[in-house]
Amino acid sequence: MSSHKIRTGDDVIVVTGKDRGRRGNVTRILANDKIVVEGINMAKKHVRPDPNAGVQGGIEEKEMPLHVSNVMIYNPQTDKGERVGFKMLDENGRQRKVRVFKSSGEQVDA
């Protein structure tokens, strides 16, 4: 289990940039604190044809990475993006680290 604040599959909302206010799911987490969000930060990419690989070529739309500081995890209770922190829960004598919303202290469902 990863201890990052944003993980694959999280529902996030973009807080800055051309897609500000849009929501999507995190599909990939890349190095250098970059993430790829489904349907967000789309760019047109020119693709060269490659008959050996079966690629036709042309212009395709591609999801480009965003920095994690430009998104917040979406909280359905408040209908907003919120900051996330960590909290230690004690279950059967074992410590477990969980993500919680900073505003309410409730656990992030993932």
Protein backbone atom coordinates (compact mmCIF):
# COMPACT_ATOMS: atom_id res chain seq x y z
CA MET A 1 0.00 0.00 0.00
CA SER A 2 1.37 3.33 -1.08
CA SER A 3 1.59 6.29 1.29
CA HIS A 4 1.04 8.92 -1.41
CA LYS A 5 -1.81 11.37 -1.03
CA ILE A 6 -3.10 10.75 -4.56
CA ARG A 7 -3.33 7.19 -5.87
CA THR A 8 -4.43 5.41 -9.04
CA GLY A 9 -8.24 5.28 -9.24
CA ASP A 10 -8.84 8.40 -7.15
CA ASP A 11 -11.52 10.83 -8.30
CA VAL A 12 -9.76 14.21 -8.56
CA ILE A 13 -10.72 17.75 -9.54
CA VAL A 14 -8.36 20.09 -11.42
CA VAL A 15 -7.72 23.36 -9.54
CA THR A 16 -5.55 25.25 -12.05
CA GLY A 17 -4.91 25.41 -15.77
CA LYS A 18 -7.06 25.12 -18.88
CA ASP A 19 -9.14 22.25 -17.42
CA ARG A 20 -9.87 23.98 -14.10
CA GLY A 21 -13.00 22.64 -12.41
CA ARG A 22 -13.12 19.38 -14.39
CA ARG A 23 -13.18 15.97 -12.69
CA GLY A 24 -11.66 12.65 -13.67
CA ASN A 25 -10.07 9.44 -12.44
CA VAL A 26 -6.32 9.05 -12.03
CA THR A 27 -5.16 6.43 -14.55
CA ARG A 28 -1.40 6.50 -14.01
CA ILE A 29 1.15 7.90 -11.59
CA LEU A 30 4.46 8.90 -13.13
CA ALA A 31 7.82 9.94 -11.73
CA ASN A 32 8.50 13.53 -10.59
CA ASP A 33 5.04 13.95 -8.98
CA LYS A 34 3.15 13.74 -12.27
CA ILE A 35 -0.19 12.02 -12.82
CA VAL A 36 -2.37 11.24 -15.84
CA VAL A 37 -6.09 11.92 -15.38
CA GLU A 38 -8.69 10.33 -17.64
CA GLY A 39 -10.03 12.85 -20.18
CA ILE A 40 -8.08 15.81 -18.72
CA ASN A 41 -5.21 17.82 -20.27
CA MET A 42 -5.79 16.45 -23.77
CA ALA A 43 -3.27 17.33 -26.48
CA LYS A 44 -3.17 16.60 -30.19
CA LYS A 45 -0.22 14.37 -31.05
CA HIS A 46 1.01 13.79 -34.60
CA VAL A 47 1.70 10.09 -35.10
CA ARG A 48 3.87 8.76 -37.90
CA PRO A 49 2.49 5.67 -39.67
CA ASP A 50 4.19 2.35 -38.86
CA PRO A 51 2.93 -0.54 -40.99
CA ASN A 52 4.94 -3.09 -39.00
CA ALA A 53 3.17 -2.17 -35.76
CA GLY A 54 -0.17 -1.61 -37.50
CA VAL A 55 -0.29 2.11 -36.67
CA GLN A 56 -2.16 4.10 -39.30
CA GLY A 57 -0.76 7.54 -38.44
CA GLY A 58 -2.39 10.96 -38.33
CA ILE A 59 -3.42 13.21 -35.46
CA GLU A 60 -4.61 11.60 -32.23
CA GLU A 61 -5.75 13.04 -28.92
CA LYS A 62 -3.63 12.01 -25.96
CA GLU A 63 -3.88 12.60 -22.21
CA MET A 64 -0.81 14.50 -21.02
CA PRO A 65 0.56 14.46 -17.46
CA LEU A 66 -0.37 17.00 -14.78
CA HIS A 67 1.58 17.87 -11.65
CA VAL A 68 -0.08 16.55 -8.47
CA SER A 69 -0.18 20.08 -7.02
CA ASN A 70 -2.69 21.05 -9.73
CA VAL A 71 -5.35 18.56 -8.56
CA MET A 72 -7.24 17.86 -5.34
CA ILE A 73 -9.10 14.73 -4.29
CA TYR A 74 -12.85 15.15 -4.82
CA ASN A 75 -15.04 14.92 -1.71
CA PRO A 76 -18.62 13.89 -2.65
CA GLN A 77 -20.05 15.13 0.70
CA THR A 78 -18.95 18.74 0.11
CA ASP A 79 -18.93 18.50 -3.72
CA LYS A 80 -15.45 20.12 -3.77
CA GLY A 81 -11.79 19.22 -4.04
CA GLU A 82 -10.11 18.95 -0.65
CA ARG A 83 -6.69 18.55 0.88
CA VAL A 84 -5.73 15.15 2.26
CA GLY A 85 -3.73 14.16 5.31
CA PHE A 86 -2.88 10.93 7.10
CA LYS A 87 -4.13 9.42 10.33
CA MET A 88 -3.12 6.28 12.20
CA LEU A 89 -5.96 3.89 13.08
CA ASP A 90 -5.58 1.20 15.71
CA GLU A 91 -7.21 -2.05 14.57
CA ASN A 92 -6.81 -5.18 16.71
CA GLY A 93 -3.57 -3.86 18.19
CA ARG A 94 -2.09 -3.06 14.76
CA GLN A 95 -1.48 0.44 13.42
CA ARG A 96 -2.91 1.27 9.99
CA LYS A 97 -2.25 4.47 8.07
CA VAL A 98 -5.31 5.91 6.29
CA ARG A 99 -5.97 9.02 4.24
CA VAL A 100 -8.42 11.58 5.66
CA PHE A 101 -9.86 14.86 4.43
CA LYS A 102 -8.26 17.79 6.26
CA SER A 103 -11.53 19.76 6.58
CA SER A 104 -13.75 17.09 8.12
CA GLY A 105 -11.34 14.38 9.26
CA GLU A 106 -13.40 11.70 7.54
CA GLN A 107 -11.68 8.84 5.75
CA VAL A 108 -11.06 8.96 2.00
CA ASP A 109 -12.85 6.07 0.28
CA ALA A 110 -10.68 4.51 -2.40
